[in-house]
N, C-alpha and C. Protein backbone atom coordinates (compact mmCIF):
# COMPACT_ATOMS: atom_id res chain seq x y z
N MET A 1 84.33 66.18 47.68
CA MET A 1 83.40 65.23 47.06
C MET A 1 83.50 65.33 45.54
N SER A 2 83.66 64.20 44.88
CA SER A 2 83.76 64.19 43.42
C SER A 2 82.39 64.44 42.80
N SER A 3 82.41 64.85 41.53
CA SER A 3 81.15 65.09 40.83
C SER A 3 80.34 63.81 40.67
N ARG A 4 81.05 62.70 40.52
CA ARG A 4 80.36 61.41 40.38
C ARG A 4 79.64 61.02 41.67
N THR A 5 80.31 61.23 42.80
CA THR A 5 79.68 60.94 44.09
C THR A 5 78.48 61.84 44.31
N LEU A 6 78.62 63.12 43.96
CA LEU A 6 77.50 64.06 44.10
C LEU A 6 76.33 63.62 43.24
N THR A 7 76.62 63.20 42.01
CA THR A 7 75.55 62.72 41.12
C THR A 7 74.82 61.55 41.76
N GLY A 8 75.58 60.59 42.28
CA GLY A 8 74.97 59.44 42.92
C GLY A 8 74.12 59.81 44.11
N LEU A 9 74.60 60.73 44.94
CA LEU A 9 73.85 61.16 46.12
C LEU A 9 72.56 61.86 45.72
N LEU A 10 72.61 62.67 44.68
CA LEU A 10 71.39 63.36 44.22
C LEU A 10 70.34 62.34 43.76
N LEU A 11 70.79 61.30 43.07
CA LEU A 11 69.86 60.29 42.57
C LEU A 11 69.32 59.40 43.70
N ILE A 12 70.03 59.35 44.81
CA ILE A 12 69.55 58.61 45.97
C ILE A 12 68.62 59.47 46.82
N VAL A 13 69.04 60.69 47.09
CA VAL A 13 68.28 61.58 47.97
C VAL A 13 66.96 62.02 47.33
N GLY A 14 66.97 62.29 46.02
CA GLY A 14 65.77 62.79 45.35
C GLY A 14 64.55 61.92 45.56
N PRO A 15 64.60 60.62 45.23
CA PRO A 15 63.43 59.77 45.44
C PRO A 15 63.01 59.65 46.90
N ILE A 16 63.99 59.66 47.81
CA ILE A 16 63.66 59.57 49.24
C ILE A 16 62.90 60.81 49.69
N VAL A 17 63.36 61.98 49.26
CA VAL A 17 62.66 63.23 49.60
C VAL A 17 61.25 63.23 49.01
N LEU A 18 61.14 62.80 47.75
CA LEU A 18 59.84 62.80 47.06
C LEU A 18 58.84 61.91 47.78
N TRP A 19 59.22 60.68 48.05
CA TRP A 19 58.28 59.75 48.69
C TRP A 19 58.14 60.00 50.18
N GLY A 20 59.16 60.58 50.80
CA GLY A 20 59.04 60.97 52.20
C GLY A 20 57.99 62.04 52.39
N ALA A 21 57.75 62.83 51.35
CA ALA A 21 56.71 63.86 51.41
C ALA A 21 55.34 63.29 51.03
N PHE A 22 55.31 62.45 50.01
CA PHE A 22 54.02 61.95 49.50
C PHE A 22 53.34 60.95 50.43
N ILE A 23 54.10 60.10 51.08
CA ILE A 23 53.50 59.05 51.90
C ILE A 23 52.61 59.61 53.01
N PRO A 24 53.06 60.62 53.79
CA PRO A 24 52.16 61.18 54.81
C PRO A 24 50.90 61.81 54.21
N MET A 25 51.04 62.43 53.03
CA MET A 25 49.88 63.04 52.39
C MET A 25 48.87 61.98 51.98
N PHE A 26 49.36 60.90 51.35
CA PHE A 26 48.47 59.81 50.95
C PHE A 26 47.77 59.21 52.16
N ALA A 27 48.50 59.07 53.27
CA ALA A 27 47.91 58.50 54.48
C ALA A 27 46.82 59.39 55.05
N SER A 28 47.02 60.71 54.98
CA SER A 28 46.03 61.64 55.52
C SER A 28 44.81 61.79 54.62
N VAL A 29 45.04 61.81 53.32
CA VAL A 29 43.93 61.96 52.38
C VAL A 29 43.06 60.70 52.37
N GLY A 30 43.69 59.55 52.56
CA GLY A 30 42.94 58.29 52.60
C GLY A 30 42.77 57.69 51.22
N ASN A 31 41.97 56.67 51.16
CA ASN A 31 41.76 55.92 49.92
C ASN A 31 40.76 56.66 49.02
N VAL A 32 41.23 57.74 48.43
CA VAL A 32 40.39 58.59 47.58
C VAL A 32 40.70 58.32 46.12
N ASP A 33 39.66 58.21 45.31
CA ASP A 33 39.83 58.05 43.87
C ASP A 33 40.19 59.41 43.27
N TRP A 34 41.45 59.52 42.80
CA TRP A 34 41.92 60.80 42.27
C TRP A 34 41.23 61.17 40.97
N GLY A 35 40.56 60.22 40.36
CA GLY A 35 39.82 60.51 39.15
C GLY A 35 38.40 60.97 39.41
N ASP A 36 37.97 60.96 40.66
CA ASP A 36 36.62 61.38 41.04
C ASP A 36 36.71 62.75 41.70
N ALA A 37 36.39 63.78 40.94
CA ALA A 37 36.52 65.15 41.44
C ALA A 37 35.68 65.38 42.69
N SER A 38 34.49 64.77 42.75
CA SER A 38 33.59 64.99 43.89
C SER A 38 34.16 64.45 45.19
N ALA A 39 35.07 63.48 45.10
CA ALA A 39 35.71 62.94 46.30
C ALA A 39 37.09 63.55 46.52
N PHE A 40 37.81 63.78 45.43
CA PHE A 40 39.19 64.26 45.52
C PHE A 40 39.26 65.70 46.04
N ILE A 41 38.42 66.58 45.51
CA ILE A 41 38.48 68.00 45.88
C ILE A 41 38.22 68.22 47.36
N PRO A 42 37.16 67.64 47.95
CA PRO A 42 36.96 67.82 49.40
C PRO A 42 38.11 67.27 50.24
N ALA A 43 38.68 66.13 49.82
CA ALA A 43 39.80 65.54 50.56
C ALA A 43 41.00 66.48 50.55
N MET A 44 41.27 67.11 49.43
CA MET A 44 42.36 68.07 49.34
C MET A 44 42.08 69.29 50.21
N GLY A 45 40.84 69.75 50.20
CA GLY A 45 40.48 70.92 50.99
C GLY A 45 40.61 70.68 52.48
N GLU A 46 40.28 69.47 52.92
CA GLU A 46 40.36 69.15 54.34
C GLU A 46 41.80 69.03 54.82
N ASN A 47 42.72 68.83 53.92
CA ASN A 47 44.13 68.66 54.26
C ASN A 47 45.00 69.68 53.52
N ALA A 48 44.48 70.87 53.33
CA ALA A 48 45.15 71.87 52.48
C ALA A 48 46.57 72.19 52.95
N GLY A 49 46.76 72.34 54.26
CA GLY A 49 48.10 72.67 54.77
C GLY A 49 49.10 71.57 54.49
N LEU A 50 48.70 70.33 54.77
CA LEU A 50 49.59 69.19 54.51
C LEU A 50 49.85 69.03 53.03
N VAL A 51 48.80 69.20 52.21
CA VAL A 51 48.95 69.07 50.76
C VAL A 51 49.98 70.07 50.24
N LYS A 52 49.87 71.32 50.69
CA LYS A 52 50.80 72.36 50.24
C LYS A 52 52.24 72.01 50.60
N THR A 53 52.45 71.58 51.84
CA THR A 53 53.81 71.24 52.29
C THR A 53 54.34 70.01 51.56
N ALA A 54 53.50 68.97 51.49
CA ALA A 54 53.94 67.70 50.90
C ALA A 54 54.27 67.86 49.42
N ILE A 55 53.42 68.55 48.68
CA ILE A 55 53.66 68.71 47.25
C ILE A 55 54.89 69.58 47.00
N SER A 56 55.08 70.60 47.81
CA SER A 56 56.26 71.46 47.65
C SER A 56 57.54 70.66 47.88
N VAL A 57 57.56 69.83 48.94
CA VAL A 57 58.75 69.03 49.24
C VAL A 57 58.95 67.96 48.17
N ALA A 58 57.86 67.32 47.73
CA ALA A 58 57.96 66.29 46.69
C ALA A 58 58.49 66.88 45.39
N THR A 59 58.06 68.09 45.07
CA THR A 59 58.55 68.77 43.87
C THR A 59 60.05 69.01 43.97
N LEU A 60 60.50 69.40 45.16
CA LEU A 60 61.94 69.57 45.39
C LEU A 60 62.67 68.25 45.13
N GLY A 61 62.08 67.14 45.61
CA GLY A 61 62.69 65.84 45.38
C GLY A 61 62.83 65.52 43.90
N MET A 62 61.78 65.84 43.12
CA MET A 62 61.82 65.59 41.69
C MET A 62 62.91 66.43 41.01
N LEU A 63 63.07 67.66 41.46
CA LEU A 63 64.09 68.54 40.88
C LEU A 63 65.50 68.06 41.26
N ILE A 64 65.63 67.48 42.45
CA ILE A 64 66.92 66.91 42.86
C ILE A 64 67.29 65.76 41.93
N VAL A 65 66.28 64.93 41.59
CA VAL A 65 66.51 63.83 40.65
C VAL A 65 66.97 64.38 39.29
N ALA A 66 66.29 65.44 38.82
CA ALA A 66 66.66 66.03 37.54
C ALA A 66 68.12 66.50 37.56
N ALA A 67 68.53 67.08 38.69
CA ALA A 67 69.92 67.52 38.83
C ALA A 67 70.87 66.32 38.80
N GLY A 68 70.44 65.22 39.40
CA GLY A 68 71.26 64.00 39.37
C GLY A 68 71.42 63.46 37.96
N PHE A 69 70.33 63.46 37.20
CA PHE A 69 70.42 62.98 35.82
C PHE A 69 71.28 63.94 34.97
N ALA A 70 71.26 65.22 35.31
CA ALA A 70 72.13 66.17 34.60
C ALA A 70 73.59 65.83 34.86
N GLY A 71 73.90 65.44 36.10
CA GLY A 71 75.26 65.01 36.42
C GLY A 71 75.64 63.74 35.68
N LEU A 72 74.68 62.81 35.58
CA LEU A 72 74.94 61.57 34.84
C LEU A 72 75.18 61.87 33.37
N ASN A 73 74.43 62.81 32.83
CA ASN A 73 74.63 63.24 31.44
C ASN A 73 76.04 63.76 31.23
N HIS A 74 76.51 64.54 32.18
CA HIS A 74 77.87 65.10 32.07
C HIS A 74 78.91 63.98 32.08
N SER A 75 78.70 62.98 32.94
CA SER A 75 79.67 61.90 33.03
C SER A 75 79.69 61.02 31.79
N MET A 76 78.58 61.01 31.03
CA MET A 76 78.49 60.18 29.83
C MET A 76 78.86 60.95 28.56
N SER A 77 79.21 62.21 28.73
CA SER A 77 79.55 63.05 27.57
C SER A 77 80.69 62.44 26.77
N GLY A 78 80.47 62.36 25.46
CA GLY A 78 81.48 61.79 24.58
C GLY A 78 81.37 60.30 24.40
N GLY A 79 80.46 59.66 25.15
CA GLY A 79 80.29 58.22 25.03
C GLY A 79 79.45 57.86 23.82
N SER A 80 79.33 56.56 23.58
CA SER A 80 78.63 56.09 22.38
C SER A 80 77.13 56.39 22.39
N SER A 81 76.56 56.59 23.57
CA SER A 81 75.12 56.86 23.66
C SER A 81 74.83 58.20 24.31
N ALA A 82 75.79 59.11 24.22
CA ALA A 82 75.63 60.42 24.85
C ALA A 82 74.43 61.17 24.27
N HIS A 83 74.13 60.96 22.97
CA HIS A 83 73.02 61.67 22.36
C HIS A 83 71.69 61.20 22.92
N TYR A 84 71.56 59.89 23.23
CA TYR A 84 70.33 59.41 23.86
C TYR A 84 70.16 60.05 25.25
N MET A 85 71.26 60.14 25.96
CA MET A 85 71.22 60.72 27.30
C MET A 85 70.84 62.18 27.25
N ARG A 86 71.38 62.92 26.29
CA ARG A 86 71.06 64.35 26.19
C ARG A 86 69.58 64.56 25.87
N VAL A 87 69.07 63.78 24.91
CA VAL A 87 67.66 63.91 24.54
C VAL A 87 66.77 63.47 25.70
N GLY A 88 67.16 62.38 26.37
CA GLY A 88 66.39 61.90 27.51
C GLY A 88 66.34 62.93 28.62
N LEU A 89 67.47 63.55 28.91
CA LEU A 89 67.51 64.58 29.94
C LEU A 89 66.64 65.76 29.56
N LEU A 90 66.67 66.15 28.27
CA LEU A 90 65.85 67.27 27.81
C LEU A 90 64.36 66.97 28.03
N PHE A 91 63.93 65.78 27.62
CA PHE A 91 62.53 65.41 27.82
C PHE A 91 62.19 65.35 29.31
N TYR A 92 63.11 64.80 30.10
CA TYR A 92 62.85 64.69 31.55
C TYR A 92 62.64 66.08 32.16
N ILE A 93 63.49 67.03 31.79
CA ILE A 93 63.39 68.38 32.35
C ILE A 93 62.12 69.07 31.88
N ILE A 94 61.77 68.91 30.59
CA ILE A 94 60.53 69.51 30.09
C ILE A 94 59.33 68.93 30.85
N GLY A 95 59.31 67.60 30.99
CA GLY A 95 58.22 66.96 31.71
C GLY A 95 58.16 67.40 33.16
N ALA A 96 59.32 67.48 33.82
CA ALA A 96 59.37 67.91 35.21
C ALA A 96 58.85 69.34 35.36
N THR A 97 59.16 70.19 34.39
CA THR A 97 58.67 71.57 34.43
C THR A 97 57.15 71.61 34.38
N LEU A 98 56.56 70.80 33.52
CA LEU A 98 55.10 70.73 33.45
C LEU A 98 54.51 70.18 34.75
N VAL A 99 55.19 69.20 35.34
CA VAL A 99 54.70 68.63 36.60
C VAL A 99 54.78 69.66 37.73
N VAL A 100 55.77 70.54 37.69
CA VAL A 100 55.83 71.63 38.66
C VAL A 100 54.58 72.51 38.52
N GLY A 101 54.16 72.75 37.26
CA GLY A 101 52.93 73.50 37.03
C GLY A 101 51.72 72.78 37.60
N GLU A 102 51.69 71.47 37.41
CA GLU A 102 50.60 70.67 37.99
C GLU A 102 50.59 70.80 39.50
N SER A 103 51.76 70.76 40.10
CA SER A 103 51.87 70.86 41.56
C SER A 103 51.31 72.18 42.06
N ALA A 104 51.65 73.27 41.36
CA ALA A 104 51.15 74.59 41.75
C ALA A 104 49.63 74.65 41.65
N LEU A 105 49.09 74.06 40.59
CA LEU A 105 47.63 74.06 40.41
C LEU A 105 46.95 73.20 41.48
N THR A 106 47.57 72.10 41.86
CA THR A 106 46.99 71.23 42.88
C THR A 106 46.99 71.92 44.24
N ILE A 107 48.05 72.66 44.53
CA ILE A 107 48.08 73.43 45.78
C ILE A 107 46.97 74.49 45.76
N GLY A 108 46.82 75.14 44.61
CA GLY A 108 45.74 76.13 44.47
C GLY A 108 44.38 75.49 44.63
N LEU A 109 44.23 74.28 44.09
CA LEU A 109 42.98 73.52 44.22
C LEU A 109 42.65 73.28 45.69
N ALA A 110 43.65 72.83 46.45
CA ALA A 110 43.44 72.53 47.87
C ALA A 110 43.05 73.79 48.64
N GLU A 111 43.72 74.89 48.34
CA GLU A 111 43.41 76.13 49.04
C GLU A 111 42.02 76.64 48.67
N ALA A 112 41.65 76.51 47.38
CA ALA A 112 40.31 76.93 46.96
C ALA A 112 39.24 76.07 47.62
N ALA A 113 39.49 74.76 47.68
CA ALA A 113 38.52 73.86 48.30
C ALA A 113 38.37 74.14 49.78
N SER A 114 39.49 74.44 50.45
CA SER A 114 39.42 74.72 51.89
C SER A 114 38.67 76.01 52.17
N GLY A 115 38.65 76.92 51.19
CA GLY A 115 37.93 78.19 51.34
C GLY A 115 36.52 78.15 50.79
N GLY A 116 36.07 76.98 50.39
CA GLY A 116 34.70 76.84 49.90
C GLY A 116 34.49 77.34 48.48
N LYS A 117 35.56 77.53 47.73
CA LYS A 117 35.45 78.04 46.35
C LYS A 117 35.38 76.84 45.39
N GLN A 118 34.24 76.22 45.33
CA GLN A 118 34.07 74.97 44.60
C GLN A 118 34.34 75.12 43.10
N ALA A 119 33.81 76.18 42.50
CA ALA A 119 33.98 76.38 41.05
C ALA A 119 35.45 76.53 40.68
N ALA A 120 36.16 77.32 41.48
CA ALA A 120 37.60 77.51 41.23
C ALA A 120 38.35 76.20 41.41
N ALA A 121 37.98 75.45 42.45
CA ALA A 121 38.64 74.17 42.71
C ALA A 121 38.43 73.20 41.56
N GLU A 122 37.22 73.16 41.02
CA GLU A 122 36.93 72.26 39.90
C GLU A 122 37.72 72.64 38.65
N ALA A 123 37.84 73.95 38.40
CA ALA A 123 38.61 74.42 37.24
C ALA A 123 40.09 74.06 37.40
N LEU A 124 40.62 74.24 38.59
CA LEU A 124 42.02 73.90 38.85
C LEU A 124 42.25 72.39 38.78
N TYR A 125 41.26 71.62 39.20
CA TYR A 125 41.34 70.16 39.12
C TYR A 125 41.48 69.72 37.66
N ALA A 126 40.65 70.28 36.79
CA ALA A 126 40.70 69.91 35.38
C ALA A 126 42.02 70.32 34.75
N ALA A 127 42.48 71.53 35.07
CA ALA A 127 43.73 72.03 34.49
C ALA A 127 44.93 71.22 34.98
N SER A 128 44.96 70.92 36.28
CA SER A 128 46.09 70.17 36.83
C SER A 128 46.17 68.77 36.24
N GLY A 129 45.00 68.15 36.02
CA GLY A 129 44.99 66.81 35.44
C GLY A 129 45.53 66.79 34.02
N ALA A 130 45.14 67.78 33.24
CA ALA A 130 45.60 67.85 31.85
C ALA A 130 47.10 68.10 31.77
N ILE A 131 47.58 69.06 32.56
CA ILE A 131 49.01 69.38 32.55
C ILE A 131 49.82 68.23 33.13
N GLY A 132 49.30 67.61 34.19
CA GLY A 132 50.01 66.51 34.82
C GLY A 132 50.15 65.32 33.90
N SER A 133 49.09 65.02 33.17
CA SER A 133 49.13 63.89 32.23
C SER A 133 50.22 64.11 31.18
N ALA A 134 50.23 65.30 30.59
CA ALA A 134 51.24 65.60 29.58
C ALA A 134 52.64 65.60 30.18
N GLY A 135 52.77 66.23 31.35
CA GLY A 135 54.08 66.33 31.98
C GLY A 135 54.67 64.98 32.35
N GLU A 136 53.85 64.11 32.93
CA GLU A 136 54.36 62.80 33.32
C GLU A 136 54.68 61.93 32.11
N ALA A 137 53.86 62.05 31.06
CA ALA A 137 54.15 61.29 29.84
C ALA A 137 55.51 61.70 29.26
N ILE A 138 55.77 62.99 29.22
CA ILE A 138 57.05 63.48 28.68
C ILE A 138 58.20 63.11 29.62
N ARG A 139 57.97 63.24 30.93
CA ARG A 139 59.02 62.91 31.90
C ARG A 139 59.39 61.43 31.83
N PHE A 140 58.41 60.56 31.72
CA PHE A 140 58.71 59.13 31.65
C PHE A 140 59.30 58.74 30.29
N LEU A 141 58.97 59.49 29.25
CA LEU A 141 59.64 59.26 27.97
C LEU A 141 61.12 59.57 28.11
N GLY A 142 61.43 60.68 28.78
CA GLY A 142 62.83 61.01 29.05
C GLY A 142 63.51 59.96 29.89
N PHE A 143 62.79 59.43 30.89
CA PHE A 143 63.32 58.37 31.75
C PHE A 143 63.67 57.13 30.92
N ALA A 144 62.77 56.78 29.99
CA ALA A 144 63.02 55.63 29.12
C ALA A 144 64.25 55.85 28.25
N LEU A 145 64.40 57.05 27.71
CA LEU A 145 65.56 57.35 26.86
C LEU A 145 66.86 57.33 27.66
N ILE A 146 66.80 57.77 28.90
CA ILE A 146 67.98 57.67 29.77
C ILE A 146 68.33 56.19 29.97
N GLY A 147 67.29 55.36 30.11
CA GLY A 147 67.51 53.92 30.21
C GLY A 147 68.16 53.36 28.96
N VAL A 148 67.72 53.83 27.79
CA VAL A 148 68.32 53.39 26.53
C VAL A 148 69.81 53.74 26.51
N SER A 149 70.14 54.94 26.97
CA SER A 149 71.55 55.36 26.95
C SER A 149 72.40 54.49 27.87
N ILE A 150 71.86 54.15 29.04
CA ILE A 150 72.59 53.29 29.98
C ILE A 150 72.75 51.88 29.39
N PHE A 151 71.68 51.39 28.78
CA PHE A 151 71.70 50.03 28.21
C PHE A 151 72.71 49.91 27.07
N THR A 152 72.75 50.91 26.21
CA THR A 152 73.62 50.82 25.05
C THR A 152 75.08 51.19 25.35
N GLN A 153 75.28 52.14 26.25
CA GLN A 153 76.65 52.55 26.57
C GLN A 153 77.29 51.63 27.61
N LYS A 154 76.45 50.94 28.40
CA LYS A 154 76.91 49.97 29.39
C LYS A 154 77.84 50.60 30.44
N ASN A 155 77.60 51.87 30.74
CA ASN A 155 78.38 52.52 31.80
C ASN A 155 77.91 52.06 33.18
N LEU A 156 76.66 51.59 33.27
CA LEU A 156 76.12 50.95 34.46
C LEU A 156 75.56 49.61 34.01
N HIS A 157 74.99 48.84 34.93
CA HIS A 157 74.51 47.50 34.57
C HIS A 157 73.41 47.60 33.51
N VAL A 158 73.51 46.78 32.47
CA VAL A 158 72.55 46.86 31.36
C VAL A 158 71.14 46.54 31.80
N SER A 159 70.98 45.68 32.83
CA SER A 159 69.63 45.35 33.29
C SER A 159 68.95 46.57 33.88
N LEU A 160 69.71 47.47 34.49
CA LEU A 160 69.15 48.71 35.01
C LEU A 160 68.56 49.54 33.88
N GLY A 161 69.35 49.67 32.79
CA GLY A 161 68.88 50.42 31.64
C GLY A 161 67.63 49.81 31.04
N ALA A 162 67.59 48.48 30.93
CA ALA A 162 66.43 47.80 30.36
C ALA A 162 65.19 48.03 31.21
N LEU A 163 65.33 47.94 32.52
CA LEU A 163 64.19 48.15 33.41
C LEU A 163 63.71 49.60 33.35
N MET A 164 64.62 50.53 33.20
CA MET A 164 64.24 51.94 33.08
C MET A 164 63.42 52.16 31.81
N VAL A 165 63.81 51.49 30.73
CA VAL A 165 63.05 51.61 29.48
C VAL A 165 61.63 51.07 29.68
N VAL A 166 61.52 49.91 30.30
CA VAL A 166 60.20 49.29 30.51
C VAL A 166 59.32 50.17 31.39
N ILE A 167 59.85 50.61 32.53
CA ILE A 167 59.07 51.45 33.44
C ILE A 167 58.72 52.78 32.79
N GLY A 168 59.66 53.34 32.04
CA GLY A 168 59.39 54.61 31.37
C GLY A 168 58.27 54.50 30.36
N LEU A 169 58.28 53.42 29.57
CA LEU A 169 57.22 53.25 28.57
C LEU A 169 55.87 52.96 29.22
N ILE A 170 55.88 52.23 30.34
CA ILE A 170 54.63 52.02 31.09
C ILE A 170 54.10 53.36 31.57
N GLY A 171 55.01 54.20 32.08
CA GLY A 171 54.61 55.52 32.55
C GLY A 171 53.99 56.37 31.45
N VAL A 172 54.60 56.32 30.27
CA VAL A 172 54.04 57.08 29.13
C VAL A 172 52.64 56.57 28.80
N GLY A 173 52.50 55.24 28.71
CA GLY A 173 51.23 54.66 28.32
C GLY A 173 50.11 54.96 29.31
N VAL A 174 50.40 54.81 30.60
CA VAL A 174 49.36 55.03 31.61
C VAL A 174 49.04 56.52 31.73
N ALA A 175 50.05 57.38 31.68
CA ALA A 175 49.82 58.82 31.79
C ALA A 175 48.94 59.33 30.66
N VAL A 176 49.15 58.80 29.47
CA VAL A 176 48.34 59.21 28.32
C VAL A 176 46.97 58.57 28.37
N GLY A 177 46.91 57.28 28.76
CA GLY A 177 45.65 56.56 28.74
C GLY A 177 44.71 56.89 29.87
N ASP A 178 45.22 56.91 31.10
CA ASP A 178 44.37 57.18 32.27
C ASP A 178 45.25 57.64 33.41
N TYR A 179 45.54 58.93 33.43
CA TYR A 179 46.50 59.49 34.38
C TYR A 179 46.08 59.29 35.84
N THR A 180 44.78 59.29 36.11
CA THR A 180 44.31 59.17 37.48
C THR A 180 44.17 57.71 37.92
N SER A 181 44.53 56.77 37.06
CA SER A 181 44.43 55.36 37.39
C SER A 181 45.43 54.96 38.47
N ASP A 182 45.06 53.96 39.27
CA ASP A 182 45.98 53.42 40.27
C ASP A 182 47.22 52.81 39.62
N LEU A 183 47.11 52.49 38.32
CA LEU A 183 48.25 51.91 37.60
C LEU A 183 49.44 52.87 37.52
N MET A 184 49.20 54.16 37.72
CA MET A 184 50.31 55.12 37.73
C MET A 184 51.27 54.82 38.88
N GLY A 185 50.79 54.08 39.87
CA GLY A 185 51.68 53.71 40.97
C GLY A 185 52.85 52.86 40.51
N ILE A 186 52.64 52.08 39.42
CA ILE A 186 53.71 51.22 38.91
C ILE A 186 54.91 52.05 38.44
N PRO A 187 54.72 52.99 37.51
CA PRO A 187 55.88 53.79 37.09
C PRO A 187 56.39 54.74 38.17
N PHE A 188 55.49 55.27 39.01
CA PHE A 188 55.94 56.16 40.08
C PHE A 188 56.87 55.44 41.05
N ILE A 189 56.42 54.29 41.55
CA ILE A 189 57.23 53.54 42.51
C ILE A 189 58.43 52.90 41.83
N GLY A 190 58.18 52.28 40.66
CA GLY A 190 59.28 51.65 39.93
C GLY A 190 60.34 52.66 39.53
N GLY A 191 59.91 53.82 39.08
CA GLY A 191 60.87 54.85 38.68
C GLY A 191 61.71 55.33 39.85
N ALA A 192 61.07 55.48 41.02
CA ALA A 192 61.80 55.91 42.21
C ALA A 192 62.85 54.88 42.63
N ILE A 193 62.46 53.60 42.61
CA ILE A 193 63.39 52.54 42.99
C ILE A 193 64.57 52.47 42.03
N LEU A 194 64.29 52.56 40.73
CA LEU A 194 65.36 52.48 39.73
C LEU A 194 66.27 53.70 39.77
N THR A 195 65.70 54.87 40.07
CA THR A 195 66.53 56.07 40.20
C THR A 195 67.48 55.93 41.39
N LEU A 196 66.94 55.43 42.50
CA LEU A 196 67.77 55.21 43.69
C LEU A 196 68.87 54.19 43.39
N ALA A 197 68.49 53.12 42.69
CA ALA A 197 69.48 52.10 42.32
C ALA A 197 70.56 52.68 41.42
N THR A 198 70.17 53.58 40.52
CA THR A 198 71.15 54.24 39.64
C THR A 198 72.16 55.01 40.47
N GLY A 199 71.65 55.73 41.47
CA GLY A 199 72.53 56.49 42.34
C GLY A 199 73.53 55.60 43.07
N VAL A 200 73.05 54.48 43.57
CA VAL A 200 73.94 53.54 44.28
C VAL A 200 75.01 53.01 43.34
N LEU A 201 74.62 52.63 42.12
CA LEU A 201 75.58 52.08 41.16
C LEU A 201 76.58 53.15 40.71
N VAL A 202 76.13 54.38 40.59
CA VAL A 202 77.05 55.46 40.21
C VAL A 202 78.12 55.64 41.27
N ILE A 203 77.72 55.64 42.54
CA ILE A 203 78.68 55.81 43.62
C ILE A 203 79.64 54.61 43.68
N ARG A 204 79.11 53.41 43.55
CA ARG A 204 79.94 52.21 43.62
C ARG A 204 80.94 52.14 42.46
N ALA A 205 80.59 52.77 41.35
CA ALA A 205 81.46 52.73 40.18
C ALA A 205 82.45 53.90 40.13
N LYS A 206 82.51 54.69 41.18
CA LYS A 206 83.30 55.93 41.13
C LYS A 206 84.80 55.69 40.96
N ASP A 207 85.20 54.52 41.37
CA ASP A 207 86.64 54.22 41.21
C ASP A 207 86.91 53.49 39.91
């Protein structure tokens, strides 16, 4: 398997793993307002086992995507927009690292809530929200910069790069403005679709 094919597969598999884990969790938790601690914490506690498994698998999916973007960075080395790609990848990895921290805190929140430790759960809820907001803002900024590199270097379709910039900037704006808003679904879903599309185009362009 060539490195380019591997890069494409990572960018395809990552979003599928991420959403394959999150969808069952969302279905079990129900229509809960993630910005309402009084509703969110009990829902997490009632589904602590599923939350732990789903978040762990989703985090793996996000890291697979990061590995895919690292491969894309390698393939663009020496190109006209390689510096945008390098900076974008750096921001993406920093943001993903913070989101891993958020994931750990959310798992701790669910376990605390399931054990009746309300004060601990509330503290973890506040901490996870703050770290998650910062992490996603940085991660989507990196996503936008990766889009800029694709758009300017034209190694893949320029419309893909343009859409990545738009979705990335929406992600930054919503994460900073109101991280628990339902509007975060736009960059989350849009980013997953565009990442998967990037993987497909990378594989198709291997020759």
